[in-house]
C-alpha atoms as a PDB file:
ATOM      1  CA  MET A   1      99.225 -66.129   1.119  1.00  0.00           C
ATOM      2  CA  GLY A   2      96.670 -68.770   2.848  1.00  0.00           C
ATOM      3  CA  PHE A   3      95.690 -69.805   6.349  1.00  0.00           C
ATOM      4  CA  THR A   4      97.365 -73.055   5.551  1.00  0.00           C
ATOM      5  CA  ASP A   5     100.524 -71.583   4.360  1.00  0.00           C
ATOM      6  CA  TYR A   6     100.523 -69.020   7.349  1.00  0.00           C
ATOM      7  CA  CYS A   7     100.262 -71.975  10.197  1.00  0.00           C
ATOM      8  CA  ARG A   8     103.037 -74.053   8.586  1.00  0.00           C
ATOM      9  CA  ARG A   9     105.319 -70.997   8.310  1.00  0.00           C
ATOM     10  CA  GLU A  10     104.097 -70.199  12.042  1.00  0.00           C
ATOM     11  CA  LYS A  11     103.827 -73.856  13.495  1.00  0.00           C
ATOM     12  CA  LYS A  12     106.054 -72.755  16.515  1.00  0.00           C
ATOM     13  CA  ARG A  13     103.552 -69.634  17.862  1.00  0.00           C
ATOM     14  CA  LEU A  14     100.673 -72.339  17.066  1.00  0.00           C
ATOM     15  CA  ILE A  15     101.999 -75.295  19.387  1.00  0.00           C
ATOM     16  CA  LEU A  16     102.992 -72.484  21.821  1.00  0.00           C
ATOM     17  CA  THR A  17      99.486 -71.158  21.750  1.00  0.00           C
ATOM     18  CA  ALA A  18      97.702 -74.405  21.396  1.00  0.00           C
ATOM     19  CA  ALA A  19      99.702 -75.608  24.486  1.00  0.00           C
ATOM     20  CA  ALA A  20      99.009 -72.360  26.573  1.00  0.00           C
ATOM     21  CA  SER A  21      95.289 -73.065  25.905  1.00  0.00           C
ATOM     22  CA  LEU A  22      95.544 -76.210  27.224  1.00  0.00           C
ATOM     23  CA  LEU A  23      96.983 -75.911  30.262  1.00  0.00           C
ATOM     24  CA  MET A  24      94.627 -73.038  30.827  1.00  0.00           C
ATOM     25  CA  THR A  25      91.782 -75.571  30.090  1.00  0.00           C
ATOM     26  CA  LEU A  26      93.612 -78.066  32.424  1.00  0.00           C
ATOM     27  CA  ALA A  27      93.907 -75.571  35.125  1.00  0.00           C
ATOM     28  CA  LEU A  28      90.586 -74.694  35.510  1.00  0.00           C
ATOM     29  CA  ILE A  29      88.893 -78.022  35.348  1.00  0.00           C
ATOM     30  CA  LEU A  30      91.529 -79.195  38.100  1.00  0.00           C
ATOM     31  CA  LEU A  31      92.297 -76.632  39.872  1.00  0.00           C
ATOM     32  CA  PRO A  32      89.170 -75.612  42.709  1.00  0.00           C
ATOM     33  CA  SER A  33      87.653 -72.688  41.823  1.00  0.00           C
ATOM     34  CA  ASP A  34      87.074 -69.907  44.057  1.00  0.00           C
ATOM     35  CA  ARG A  35      83.712 -70.684  45.623  1.00  0.00           C
ATOM     36  CA  GLY A  36      84.190 -74.407  44.662  1.00  0.00           C
ATOM     37  CA  ASP A  37      83.825 -75.067  48.135  1.00  0.00           C
ATOM     38  CA  VAL A  38      80.842 -73.498  48.884  1.00  0.00           C
ATOM     39  CA  TYR A  39      78.129 -75.708  48.047  1.00  0.00           C
ATOM     40  CA  LEU A  40      77.144 -78.901  49.836  1.00  0.00           C
ATOM     41  CA  MET A  41      76.506 -81.337  46.705  1.00  0.00           C
ATOM     42  CA  ASP A  42      74.359 -84.664  46.649  1.00  0.00           C
ATOM     43  CA  GLY A  43      74.949 -85.494  42.799  1.00  0.00           C
ATOM     44  CA  ASP A  44      73.170 -82.353  41.153  1.00  0.00           C
ATOM     45  CA  ARG A  45      71.247 -81.091  44.061  1.00  0.00           C
ATOM     46  CA  VAL A  46      72.690 -78.558  46.458  1.00  0.00           C
ATOM     47  CA  VAL A  47      72.146 -80.094  50.486  1.00  0.00           C
ATOM     48  CA  GLY A  48      73.659 -77.123  52.035  1.00  0.00           C
ATOM     49  CA  VAL A  49      75.608 -74.135  51.654  1.00  0.00           C
ATOM     50  CA  ARG A  50      79.401 -73.832  53.795  1.00  0.00           C
ATOM     51  CA  ALA A  51      80.089 -70.927  55.506  1.00  0.00           C
ATOM     52  CA  LEU A  52      81.580 -67.754  52.916  1.00  0.00           C
ATOM     53  CA  LYS A  53      84.954 -66.518  53.036  1.00  0.00           C
ATOM     54  CA  ASP A  54      85.096 -64.092  50.063  1.00  0.00           C
ATOM     55  CA  SER A  55      81.741 -62.708  49.656  1.00  0.00           C
ATOM     56  CA  ASP A  56      78.756 -62.369  51.889  1.00  0.00           C
ATOM     57  CA  ASN A  57      76.406 -64.184  50.002  1.00  0.00           C
ATOM     58  CA  ALA A  58      75.857 -67.294  47.747  1.00  0.00           C
ATOM     59  CA  LEU A  59      73.827 -67.623  44.607  1.00  0.00           C
ATOM     60  CA  LEU A  60      71.260 -70.834  44.442  1.00  0.00           C
ATOM     61  CA  SER A  61      68.453 -71.790  41.625  1.00  0.00           C
ATOM     62  CA  LEU A  62      65.306 -72.701  43.855  1.00  0.00           C
ATOM     63  CA  THR A  63      62.405 -74.920  42.757  1.00  0.00           C
ATOM     64  CA  ALA A  64      59.592 -75.089  44.554  1.00  0.00           C
ATOM     65  CA  GLU A  65      56.468 -77.254  44.357  1.00  0.00           C
ATOM     66  CA  LYS A  66      52.960 -77.456  45.947  1.00  0.00           C
ATOM     67  CA  ASP A  67      49.825 -79.197  45.052  1.00  0.00           C
ATOM     68  CA  GLY A  68      51.257 -79.015  41.225  1.00  0.00           C
ATOM     69  CA  VAL A  69      52.301 -75.496  41.184  1.00  0.00           C
ATOM     70  CA  SER A  70      55.974 -74.593  40.598  1.00  0.00           C
ATOM     71  CA  VAL A  71      58.106 -71.496  41.047  1.00  0.00           C
ATOM     72  CA  SER A  72      61.589 -71.324  40.043  1.00  0.00           C
ATOM     73  CA  LYS A  73      63.584 -68.347  40.706  1.00  0.00           C
ATOM     74  CA  GLU A  74      67.664 -67.154  41.651  1.00  0.00           C
ATOM     75  CA  VAL A  75      67.818 -66.903  45.150  1.00  0.00           C
ATOM     76  CA  VAL A  76      70.745 -65.466  46.967  1.00  0.00           C
ATOM     77  CA  LEU A  77      71.753 -66.428  50.350  1.00  0.00           C
ATOM     78  CA  GLY A  78      74.147 -64.467  53.077  1.00  0.00           C
ATOM     79  CA  ARG A  79      74.989 -63.943  56.465  1.00  0.00           C
ATOM     80  CA  LYS A  80      71.718 -62.399  58.708  1.00  0.00           C
ATOM     81  CA  LYS A  81      71.420 -58.665  58.836  1.00  0.00           C
ATOM     82  CA  ALA A  82      69.812 -56.191  61.187  1.00  0.00           C
ATOM     83  CA  GLY A  83      66.594 -55.405  59.814  1.00  0.00           C
ATOM     84  CA  SER A  84      66.031 -58.070  57.459  1.00  0.00           C
ATOM     85  CA  GLY A  85      62.720 -59.687  58.689  1.00  0.00           C
ATOM     86  CA  SER A  86      59.942 -60.162  56.052  1.00  0.00           C
ATOM     87  CA  SER A  87      57.201 -57.841  55.859  1.00  0.00           C
ATOM     88  CA  PRO A  88      53.500 -59.295  54.548  1.00  0.00           C
ATOM     89  CA  VAL A  89      52.495 -59.068  51.430  1.00  0.00           C
ATOM     90  CA  ARG A  90      48.666 -59.617  50.178  1.00  0.00           C
ATOM     91  CA  ALA A  91      48.881 -63.123  47.754  1.00  0.00           C
ATOM     92  CA  VAL A  92      46.069 -63.336  45.159  1.00  0.00           C
ATOM     93  CA  SER A  93      46.631 -66.478  43.593  1.00  0.00           C
ATOM     94  CA  GLU A  94      47.888 -69.957  44.774  1.00  0.00           C
ATOM     95  CA  GLU A  95      51.639 -69.141  42.560  1.00  0.00           C
ATOM     96  CA  GLU A  96      51.378 -65.739  44.444  1.00  0.00           C
ATOM     97  CA  LYS A  97      51.098 -67.749  48.035  1.00  0.00           C
ATOM     98  CA  LEU A  98      53.724 -70.314  47.217  1.00  0.00           C
ATOM     99  CA  LYS A  99      55.999 -67.214  45.975  1.00  0.00           C
ATOM    100  CA  TYR A 100      55.586 -65.436  49.419  1.00  0.00           C
ATOM    101  CA  SER A 101      56.050 -68.649  51.584  1.00  0.00           C
ATOM    102  CA  VAL A 102      59.279 -69.456  49.366  1.00  0.00           C
ATOM    103  CA  ASP A 103      60.414 -65.670  49.927  1.00  0.00           C
ATOM    104  CA  SER A 104      59.671 -66.191  53.844  1.00  0.00           C
ATOM    105  CA  ALA A 105      61.756 -69.405  54.061  1.00  0.00           C
ATOM    106  CA  VAL A 106      64.876 -67.828  52.245  1.00  0.00           C
ATOM    107  CA  ARG A 107      64.401 -64.620  54.327  1.00  0.00           C
ATOM    108  CA  ASP A 108      64.809 -66.824  57.562  1.00  0.00           C
ATOM    109  CA  LEU A 109      67.952 -68.500  56.104  1.00  0.00           C
ATOM    110  CA  SER A 110      71.566 -66.905  57.093  1.00  0.00           C
ATOM    111  CA  ILE A 111      74.701 -68.585  56.715  1.00  0.00           C
ATOM    112  CA  PRO A 112      76.966 -68.847  59.664  1.00  0.00           C
ATOM    113  CA  ASP A 113      80.163 -67.678  59.768  1.00  0.00           C
ATOM    114  CA  ASP A 114      82.166 -71.051  61.400  1.00  0.00           C
ATOM    115  CA  SER A 115      79.748 -73.844  60.165  1.00  0.00           C
ATOM    116  CA  GLU A 116      77.293 -75.024  57.371  1.00  0.00           C
ATOM    117  CA  LEU A 117      74.040 -74.162  56.376  1.00  0.00           C
ATOM    118  CA  ILE A 118      71.862 -77.317  55.509  1.00  0.00           C
ATOM    119  CA  LEU A 119      68.853 -76.142  53.200  1.00  0.00           C
ATOM    120  CA  PRO A 120      65.705 -77.355  53.819  1.00  0.00           C
ATOM    121  CA  GLU A 121      63.969 -79.740  51.626  1.00  0.00           C
ATOM    122  CA  GLU A 122      60.387 -79.084  52.728  1.00  0.00           C
ATOM    123  CA  LEU A 123      58.499 -76.300  54.271  1.00  0.00           C
ATOM    124  CA  PRO A 124      56.075 -76.899  57.212  1.00  0.00           C
ATOM    125  CA  ASP A 125      53.234 -76.280  54.840  1.00  0.00           C
ATOM    126  CA  GLY A 126      54.310 -79.176  52.384  1.00  0.00           C
ATOM    127  CA  THR A 127      56.115 -77.048  49.873  1.00  0.00           C
ATOM    128  CA  VAL A 128      58.883 -79.455  48.173  1.00  0.00           C
ATOM    129  CA  LEU A 129      62.244 -77.289  47.504  1.00  0.00           C
ATOM    130  CA  ASP A 130      65.052 -78.424  44.986  1.00  0.00           C
ATOM    131  CA  TRP A 131      68.364 -76.777  45.499  1.00  0.00           C
ATOM    132  CA  ARG A 132      70.548 -76.628  42.446  1.00  0.00           C
ATOM    133  CA  ARG A 133      73.838 -74.328  41.476  1.00  0.00           C
ATOM    134  CA  PRO A 134      73.235 -71.614  39.134  1.00  0.00           C
ATOM    135  CA  ARG A 135      73.565 -72.300  35.591  1.00  0.00           C
ATOM    136  CA  GLY A 136      76.236 -70.977  33.212  1.00  0.00           C
ATOM    137  CA  GLY A 137      79.217 -72.327  35.640  1.00  0.00           C
ATOM    138  CA  ARG A 138      83.238 -72.057  34.614  1.00  0.00           C
ATOM    139  CA  THR A 139      83.597 -71.892  30.693  1.00  0.00           C
ATOM    140  CA  TYR A 140      86.115 -74.793  30.517  1.00  0.00           C
ATOM    141  CA  LEU A 141      86.244 -74.362  26.622  1.00  0.00           C
ATOM    142  CA  LEU A 142      86.934 -70.372  26.379  1.00  0.00           C
ATOM    143  CA  PRO A 143      90.785 -71.196  26.233  1.00  0.00           C
ATOM    144  CA  LEU A 144      90.333 -73.893  23.658  1.00  0.00           C
ATOM    145  CA  LEU A 145      88.365 -71.459  21.302  1.00  0.00           C
ATOM    146  CA  ALA A 146      91.074 -68.706  22.070  1.00  0.00           C
ATOM    147  CA  CYS A 147      93.820 -70.664  20.291  1.00  0.00           C
ATOM    148  CA  PRO A 148      92.201 -70.272  16.930  1.00  0.00           C
ATOM    149  CA  LEU A 149      90.586 -67.230  17.276  1.00  0.00           C
ATOM    150  CA  LEU A 150      94.530 -66.008  18.093  1.00  0.00           C
ATOM    151  CA  MET A 151      95.904 -67.745  15.120  1.00  0.00           C
ATOM    152  CA  LEU A 152      93.040 -66.144  13.037  1.00  0.00           C
ATOM    153  CA  TYR A 153      93.407 -62.764  14.501  1.00  0.00           C
ATOM    154  CA  GLY A 154      97.130 -63.164  13.601  1.00  0.00           C
ATOM    155  CA  TYR A 155      96.270 -64.170  10.213  1.00  0.00           C
ATOM    156  CA  ARG A 156      94.315 -62.091   9.171  1.00  0.00           C
ATOM    157  CA  GLY A 157      96.389 -58.701  11.002  1.00  0.00           C
ATOM    158  CA  GLU A 158      99.502 -60.286   8.836  1.00  0.00           C
ATOM    159  CA  LYS A 159      97.185 -60.543   5.861  1.00  0.00           C
ATOM    160  CA  ASP A 160      95.948 -56.997   5.722  1.00  0.00           C
ATOM    161  CA  LYS A 161      99.591 -55.675   6.294  1.00  0.00           C
ATOM    162  CA  ALA A 162     100.736 -57.734   3.298  1.00  0.00           C
ATOM    163  CA  GLU A 163      97.463 -56.160   1.296  1.00  0.00           C
ATOM    164  CA  LYS A 164      98.669 -53.016   2.510  1.00  0.00           C
ATOM    165  CA  ARG A 165     102.225 -53.402   1.547  1.00  0.00           C
ATOM    166  CA  ALA A 166     101.499 -54.505  -2.178  1.00  0.00           C
ATOM    167  CA  ARG A 167      99.070 -51.453  -2.467  1.00  0.00           C
ATOM    168  CA  GLU A 168     101.607 -49.174  -1.842  1.00  0.00           C
ATOM    169  CA  GLU A 169     103.993 -50.738  -3.913  1.00  0.00           C
ATOM    170  CA  ALA A 170     101.335 -50.524  -6.957  1.00  0.00           C
ATOM    171  CA  ASP A 171     100.619 -47.063  -6.273  1.00  0.00           C
ATOM    172  CA  GLY A 172     104.606 -46.559  -6.225  1.00  0.00           C
ATOM    173  CA  ILE A 173     104.902 -47.743  -9.467  1.00  0.00           C
ATOM    174  CA  LEU A 174     101.935 -46.447 -11.025  1.00  0.00           C
ATOM    175  CA  ARG A 175     103.605 -42.794  -9.798  1.00  0.00           C
ATOM    176  CA  SER A 176     107.102 -43.593 -11.682  1.00  0.00           C
ATOM    177  CA  LEU A 177     105.650 -45.412 -14.653  1.00  0.00           C
ATOM    178  CA  PRO A 178     105.086 -42.973 -16.791  1.00  0.00           C
ATOM    179  CA  GLU A 179     108.447 -40.797 -15.728  1.00  0.00           C
ATOM    180  CA  PHE A 180     110.590 -44.418 -16.566  1.00  0.00           C
ATOM    181  CA  ASN A 181     108.586 -44.940 -20.291  1.00  0.00           C
ATOM    182  CA  ASN A 182     109.544 -41.832 -21.078  1.00  0.00           C
ATOM    183  CA  LYS A 183     113.271 -42.018 -20.531  1.00  0.00           C
ATOM    184  CA  VAL A 184     112.933 -45.291 -22.342  1.00  0.00           C
ATOM    185  CA  VAL A 185     111.615 -43.842 -25.368  1.00  0.00           C
ATOM    186  CA  LEU A 186     114.371 -41.105 -25.209  1.00  0.00           C
ATOM    187  CA  LEU A 187     117.379 -43.083 -24.910  1.00  0.00           C
ATOM    188  CA  LEU A 188     116.305 -45.564 -27.748  1.00  0.00           C
ATOM    189  CA  GLY A 189     115.953 -41.927 -29.716  1.00  0.00           C
ATOM    190  CA  SER A 190     119.378 -41.849 -28.659  1.00  0.00           C
ATOM    191  CA  GLY A 191     120.570 -44.954 -30.726  1.00  0.00           C
ATOM    192  CA  MET A 192     120.860 -47.163 -27.643  1.00  0.00           C
ATOM    193  CA  VAL A 193     119.601 -50.569 -27.769  1.00  0.00           C
ATOM    194  CA  PHE A 194     117.008 -51.520 -25.281  1.00  0.00           C
ATOM    195  CA  ASP A 195     119.531 -54.127 -22.887  1.00  0.00           C
ATOM    196  CA  ASP A 196     121.526 -50.808 -22.613  1.00  0.00           C
ATOM    197  CA  VAL A 197     118.961 -48.429 -21.645  1.00  0.00           C
ATOM    198  CA  LEU A 198     117.489 -51.109 -19.597  1.00  0.00           C
ATOM    199  CA  SER A 199     121.022 -51.326 -17.746  1.00  0.00           C
ATOM    200  CA  HIS A 200     121.791 -47.819 -17.699  1.00  0.00           C
ATOM    201  CA  ILE A 201     118.210 -46.718 -15.912  1.00  0.00           C
ATOM    202  CA  THR A 202     118.720 -49.647 -13.556  1.00  0.00           C
ATOM    203  CA  SER A 203     122.063 -48.647 -12.705  1.00  0.00           C
ATOM    204  CA  GLU A 204     121.166 -44.806 -12.380  1.00  0.00           C
ATOM    205  CA  LYS A 205     118.080 -45.441 -10.354  1.00  0.00           C
ATOM    206  CA  THR A 206     120.570 -47.596  -7.984  1.00  0.00           C
ATOM    207  CA  GLY A 207     122.881 -44.965  -7.680  1.00  0.00           C
ATOM    208  CA  GLU A 208     120.129 -42.933  -6.140  1.00  0.00           C
ATOM    209  CA  GLY A 209     119.715 -45.444  -3.416  1.00  0.00           C
ATOM    210  CA  ASP A 210     115.942 -45.499  -4.565  1.00  0.00           C
ATOM    211  CA  ALA A 211     116.459 -49.748  -5.467  1.00  0.00           C
ATOM    212  CA  GLY A 212     114.387 -50.310  -2.274  1.00  0.00           C
ATOM    213  CA  GLY A 213     111.243 -48.538  -2.301  1.00  0.00           C
ATOM    214  CA  THR A 214     108.234 -48.975  -3.751  1.00  0.00           C
ATOM    215  CA  SER A 215     108.636 -47.907  -7.075  1.00  0.00           C
ATOM    216  CA  ILE A 216     109.632 -48.982 -10.719  1.00  0.00           C
ATOM    217  CA  ALA A 217     113.183 -49.176  -9.344  1.00  0.00           C
ATOM    218  CA  GLY A 218     112.682 -51.445  -6.903  1.00  0.00           C
ATOM    219  CA  LEU A 219     111.412 -53.828  -9.165  1.00  0.00           C
ATOM    220  CA  LEU A 220     113.970 -53.309 -11.742  1.00  0.00           C
ATOM    221  CA  ALA A 221     116.841 -53.839  -8.789  1.00  0.00           C
ATOM    222  CA  SER A 222     115.630 -56.779  -7.790  1.00  0.00           C
ATOM    223  CA  ALA A 223     114.780 -58.013 -11.261  1.00  0.00           C
ATOM    224  CA  LYS A 224     118.570 -57.422 -11.873  1.00  0.00           C
ATOM    225  CA  ARG A 225     119.792 -59.291  -9.070  1.00  0.00           C
ATOM    226  CA  GLU A 226     117.538 -62.260  -9.973  1.00  0.00           C
ATOM    227  CA  ALA A 227     118.500 -62.121 -13.309  1.00  0.00           C
ATOM    228  CA  GLU A 228     122.457 -61.848 -12.067  1.00  0.00           C
ATOM    229  CA  ALA A 229     121.609 -64.995  -9.832  1.00  0.00           C
ATOM    230  CA  VAL A 230     120.123 -67.242 -12.255  1.00  0.00           C
ATOM    231  CA  ASN A 231     121.816 -65.894 -14.994  1.00  0.00           C
ATOM    232  CA  GLY A 232     118.618 -65.260 -17.134  1.00  0.00           C
ATOM    233  CA  ASP A 233     116.918 -62.433 -19.246  1.00  0.00           C
ATOM    234  CA  MET A 234     116.121 -59.129 -17.161  1.00  0.00           C
ATOM    235  CA  THR A 235     113.214 -58.698 -19.302  1.00  0.00           C
ATOM    236  CA  ALA A 236     111.407 -61.917 -19.201  1.00  0.00           C
ATOM    237  CA  ILE A 237     111.892 -61.592 -15.158  1.00  0.00           C
ATOM    238  CA  LEU A 238     110.095 -58.410 -15.516  1.00  0.00           C
ATOM    239  CA  SER A 239     107.125 -59.782 -17.640  1.00  0.00           C
ATOM    240  CA  ALA A 240     107.100 -62.615 -15.098  1.00  0.00           C
ATOM    241  CA  ARG A 241     106.995 -60.193 -12.166  1.00  0.00           C
ATOM    242  CA  ALA A 242     104.435 -57.621 -13.658  1.00  0.00           C
ATOM    243  CA  SER A 243     102.030 -60.942 -14.464  1.00  0.00           C
ATOM    244  CA  ASP A 244     102.286 -61.773 -10.772  1.00  0.00           C
ATOM    245  CA  MET A 245     101.955 -58.267  -9.172  1.00  0.00           C
ATOM    246  CA  HIS A 246      98.589 -57.722 -11.468  1.00  0.00           C
ATOM    247  CA  ILE A 247      99.249 -54.542 -12.381  1.00  0.00           C
ATOM    248  CA  ARG A 248      97.484 -53.625 -15.984  1.00  0.00           C
ATOM    249  CA  GLU A 249      99.639 -50.741 -16.893  1.00  0.00           C
ATOM    250  CA  LEU A 250     102.881 -52.689 -16.108  1.00  0.00           C
ATOM    251  CA  SER A 251     102.038 -55.688 -17.900  1.00  0.00           C
ATOM    252  CA  ARG A 252     100.906 -54.245 -20.854  1.00  0.00           C
ATOM    253  CA  MET A 253     103.784 -52.094 -21.000  1.00  0.00           C
ATOM    254  CA  VAL A 254     106.395 -54.856 -20.066  1.00  0.00           C
ATOM    255  CA  ASN A 255     105.040 -57.173 -22.254  1.00  0.00           C
ATOM    256  CA  LEU A 256     104.996 -54.742 -25.136  1.00  0.00           C
ATOM    257  CA  ILE A 257     108.853 -54.120 -24.428  1.00  0.00           C
ATOM    258  CA  TYR A 258     108.991 -58.081 -24.232  1.00  0.00           C
ATOM    259  CA  GLU A 259     107.490 -58.489 -27.931  1.00  0.00           C
ATOM    260  CA  ASN A 260     109.331 -55.525 -29.674  1.00  0.00           C
ATOM    261  CA  ARG A 261     112.261 -55.056 -27.683  1.00  0.00           C
ATOM    262  CA  PHE A 262     114.405 -55.668 -30.870  1.00  0.00           C
ATOM    263  CA  THR A 263     112.374 -53.675 -33.392  1.00  0.00           C
ATOM    264  CA  GLY A 264     114.546 -50.179 -32.254  1.00  0.00           C
ATOM    265  CA  ALA A 265     112.505 -47.516 -33.821  1.00  0.00           C
ATOM    266  CA  ASP A 266     109.063 -49.525 -33.826  1.00  0.00           C
ATOM    267  CA  LEU A 267     109.682 -49.820 -30.004  1.00  0.00           C
ATOM    268  CA  ALA A 268     110.146 -46.332 -29.005  1.00  0.00           C
ATOM    269  CA  GLU A 269     106.890 -45.193 -31.350  1.00  0.00           C
ATOM    270  CA  LYS A 270     104.804 -47.934 -29.414  1.00  0.00           C
ATOM    271  CA  LEU A 271     105.818 -46.591 -26.055  1.00  0.00           C
ATOM    272  CA  SER A 272     105.773 -42.911 -26.931  1.00  0.00           C
ATOM    273  CA  ALA A 273     101.776 -43.986 -27.531  1.00  0.00           C
ATOM    274  CA  GLU A 274     101.834 -45.920 -24.407  1.00  0.00           C
ATOM    275  CA  GLY A 275     103.437 -43.077 -22.176  1.00  0.00           C
ATOM    276  CA  GLU A 276     100.132 -40.693 -23.203  1.00  0.00           C
ATOM    277  CA  GLY A 277      98.219 -43.477 -21.537  1.00  0.00           C
ATOM    278  CA  LEU A 278     100.121 -43.732 -18.594  1.00  0.00           C
ATOM    279  CA  TRP A 279     100.113 -39.956 -17.852  1.00  0.00           C
ATOM    280  CA  ALA A 280      95.970 -39.964 -18.126  1.00  0.00           C
ATOM    281  CA  VAL A 281      95.716 -43.013 -15.543  1.00  0.00           C
ATOM    282  CA  ARG A 282      98.422 -40.773 -13.266  1.00  0.00           C
ATOM    283  CA  ARG A 283      96.180 -37.875 -13.659  1.00  0.00           C
ATOM    284  CA  LYS A 284      93.486 -40.176 -13.203  1.00  0.00           C
ATOM    285  CA  ARG A 285      94.400 -41.657  -9.980  1.00  0.00           C
ATOM    286  CA  ALA A 286      95.591 -38.236  -8.291  1.00  0.00           C
ATOM    287  CA  GLU A 287      92.291 -36.435  -8.908  1.00  0.00           C
ATOM    288  CA  GLU A 288      90.498 -39.916  -7.055  1.00  0.00           C
ATOM    289  CA  LYS A 289      92.611 -39.170  -4.258  1.00  0.00           C
ATOM    290  CA  GLY A 290      92.166 -35.446  -4.299  1.00  0.00           C
ATOM    291  CA  ARG A 291      88.708 -36.250  -3.810  1.00  0.00           C
ATOM    292  CA  ARG A 292      89.161 -38.777  -1.405  1.00  0.00           C
ATOM    293  CA  ALA A 293      91.255 -35.817   0.833  1.00  0.00           C
ATOM    294  CA  GLU A 294      88.686 -33.952   0.178  1.00  0.00           C
ATOM    295  CA  THR A 295      85.722 -36.524   1.407  1.00  0.00           C
ATOM    296  CA  GLY A 296      88.325 -37.150   4.633  1.00  0.00           C
ATOM    297  CA  LEU A 297      88.605 -33.639   5.686  1.00  0.00           C
ATOM    298  CA  ALA A 298      84.699 -32.726   5.523  1.00  0.00           C
ATOM    299  CA  LEU A 299      84.351 -33.596   9.074  1.00  0.00           C
ATOM    300  CA  PRO A 300      87.031 -32.041  10.635  1.00  0.00           C
ATOM    301  CA  MET A 301      86.294 -29.009   8.810  1.00  0.00           C
ATOM    302  CA  SER A 302      82.619 -29.040   9.815  1.00  0.00           C
ATOM    303  CA  VAL A 303      83.417 -29.877  13.435  1.00  0.00           C
ATOM    304  CA  THR A 304      86.132 -26.798  13.320  1.00  0.00           C
ATOM    305  CA  LEU A 305      83.274 -24.512  12.052  1.00  0.00           C
ATOM    306  CA  LEU A 306      80.858 -25.092  14.421  1.00  0.00           C
ATOM    307  CA  ALA A 307      83.623 -24.688  17.216  1.00  0.00           C
ATOM    308  CA  LEU A 308      84.182 -21.413  15.688  1.00  0.00           C
ATOM    309  CA  VAL A 309      80.585 -20.648  15.897  1.00  0.00           C
ATOM    310  CA  ALA A 310      80.128 -21.336  19.450  1.00  0.00           C
ATOM    311  CA  VAL A 311      83.256 -19.612  20.437  1.00  0.00           C
ATOM    312  CA  THR A 312      82.066 -16.922  18.186  1.00  0.00           C
ATOM    313  CA  ALA A 313      78.268 -16.302  18.990  1.00  0.00           C
ATOM    314  CA  ALA A 314      78.625 -17.322  23.153  1.00  0.00           C
ATOM    315  CA  PRO A 315      79.485 -13.918  24.355  1.00  0.00           C
ATOM    316  CA  ALA A 316      76.482 -12.845  22.273  1.00  0.00           C
ATOM    317  CA  MET A 317      73.941 -15.082  23.979  1.00  0.00           C
ATOM    318  CA  MET A 318      75.510 -14.484  27.198  1.00  0.00           C
ATOM    319  CA  GLN A 319      74.394 -10.710  27.084  1.00  0.00           C
ATOM    320  CA  ILE A 320      70.788 -11.892  26.480  1.00  0.00           C
END
């Protein structure tokens, strides 16, 4: 399943997500921000600050220049507070003198409660001040970027679920395949033809209620339903299903049956030899799962051991 197929199938969800993202973007552009009325603008420059309502300060970007020396810094303006006077510092270089001059001027500025503060464009000593809004404004494109990200996340989640289902189905088929092979060999040895053997095993599994499980029984049941619907050959459908599922052992066994189903005893002998390999594969997979389980239990057992040692040794250590 590709991403294009997922978008085609989930077209309604894609349209709704894109529409919601577009509406959110338009809302961010058209609606005023919570601090959009704070700054008094003259082009790109900030010439003043209005009285604050929801916050005690306003953030500005200030560039000061004097005699070829420039200083840039972020400035926070707020209401005047008691004890906020400036404290002199010793300036060594021209840049430090300019910084001290700018800091002193900024500390003297306060935003009134019910009016506007006009920002100075020049200090008494000739320092030119350039006030700007801080960088990193509102992210208008973020909702638009969220649309493809949400669709990709949904596709990835569905793909992971499909891969998990395919792994579980393959694991169930591999577990039940040796048993199915043995039953086919026994029934062929009793004198039944293969078509009767397949019908008998399929009916038996369906009667046990395992037709919808992730095993060879579910595969046989679905192949039987498809064969009855199209009036086709069940063995040929099984061969096609095995090729699509990419399970090597199943493909080899089904192709062996498809090519030799009319040879009677010859098919039974070949399936009997194939069964030994199937049981070996099943044992190998069981051993691998056991080793993975041991690895997964190593950390919890280590933590439990440490906790046991701590509980056991704690009384002795407290008596020291």
